[in-house]
């Protein structure tokens, strides 16, 4: 089955990847969440 072999190869490749994603736990993630929360907490300008 061709799709099974493709899936197995993709899983192996993903295990070898060393790129860190932004949603991984750590200081970068905390900084990203703090920026997002600061945007949400900022008051929105209202028209007169």
C-alpha atoms as a PDB file:
ATOM      1  CA  UNK A   1       0.000   0.000   0.000  1.00  0.00           C
ATOM      2  CA  UNK A   2       1.663   3.202  -1.185  1.00  0.00           C
ATOM      3  CA  UNK A   3      -0.033   5.540   1.300  1.00  0.00           C
ATOM      4  CA  UNK A   4       1.131   3.516   4.285  1.00  0.00           C
ATOM      5  CA  UNK A   5       4.751   3.743   3.160  1.00  0.00           C
ATOM      6  CA  UNK A   6       4.364   7.491   2.614  1.00  0.00           C
ATOM      7  CA  UNK A   7       2.904   7.907   6.099  1.00  0.00           C
ATOM      8  CA  UNK A   8       5.706   5.900   7.689  1.00  0.00           C
ATOM      9  CA  UNK A   9       8.309   8.010   5.903  1.00  0.00           C
ATOM     10  CA  UNK A  10       6.609  11.227   7.013  1.00  0.00           C
ATOM     11  CA  UNK A  11       6.559  10.059  10.633  1.00  0.00           C
ATOM     12  CA  UNK A  12      10.281   9.229  10.490  1.00  0.00           C
ATOM     13  CA  UNK A  13      11.047  12.623   8.941  1.00  0.00           C
ATOM     14  CA  UNK A  14       9.029  14.438  11.603  1.00  0.00           C
ATOM     15  CA  UNK A  15      10.947  12.689  14.364  1.00  0.00           C
ATOM     16  CA  UNK A  16      14.247  13.897  12.871  1.00  0.00           C
ATOM     17  CA  UNK A  17      13.129  17.526  12.629  1.00  0.00           C
ATOM     18  CA  UNK A  18      14.831  19.888  15.080  1.00  0.00           C
ATOM     19  CA  UNK A  19      12.793  22.999  14.292  1.00  0.00           C
ATOM     20  CA  UNK A  20      11.163  24.393  17.406  1.00  0.00           C
ATOM     21  CA  UNK A  21       7.545  25.370  17.006  1.00  0.00           C
ATOM     22  CA  UNK A  22       6.152  28.511  18.671  1.00  0.00           C
ATOM     23  CA  UNK A  23       3.576  26.572  20.643  1.00  0.00           C
ATOM     24  CA  UNK A  24       6.185  24.458  22.393  1.00  0.00           C
ATOM     25  CA  UNK A  25       6.497  25.081  26.094  1.00  0.00           C
ATOM     26  CA  UNK A  26       9.192  27.477  27.212  1.00  0.00           C
ATOM     27  CA  UNK A  27      10.108  31.142  27.323  1.00  0.00           C
ATOM     28  CA  UNK A  28       9.212  31.773  23.692  1.00  0.00           C
ATOM     29  CA  UNK A  29       5.726  30.381  24.245  1.00  0.00           C
ATOM     30  CA  UNK A  30       5.211  32.463  27.375  1.00  0.00           C
ATOM     31  CA  UNK A  31       6.292  35.601  25.512  1.00  0.00           C
ATOM     32  CA  UNK A  32       3.899  34.828  22.656  1.00  0.00           C
ATOM     33  CA  UNK A  33       0.995  34.341  25.072  1.00  0.00           C
ATOM     34  CA  UNK A  34       1.864  37.565  26.919  1.00  0.00           C
ATOM     35  CA  UNK A  35       1.823  39.526  23.637  1.00  0.00           C
ATOM     36  CA  UNK A  36      -1.519  38.018  22.673  1.00  0.00           C
ATOM     37  CA  UNK A  37      -3.033  38.795  26.079  1.00  0.00           C
ATOM     38  CA  UNK A  38      -1.695  42.375  25.962  1.00  0.00           C
ATOM     39  CA  UNK A  39      -3.454  42.920  22.633  1.00  0.00           C
ATOM     40  CA  UNK A  40      -6.739  41.590  24.004  1.00  0.00           C
ATOM     41  CA  UNK A  41      -6.475  43.688  27.186  1.00  0.00           C
ATOM     42  CA  UNK A  42      -5.826  46.956  25.312  1.00  0.00           C
ATOM     43  CA  UNK A  43      -8.973  49.087  25.183  1.00  0.00           C
ATOM     44  CA  UNK A  44     -10.465  49.463  21.753  1.00  0.00           C
ATOM     45  CA  UNK A  45     -10.932  52.970  20.357  1.00  0.00           C
ATOM     46  CA  UNK A  46     -14.567  53.961  20.051  1.00  0.00           C
ATOM     47  CA  UNK A  47     -16.028  56.379  17.601  1.00  0.00           C
ATOM     48  CA  UNK A  48     -17.660  59.471  19.100  1.00  0.00           C
END
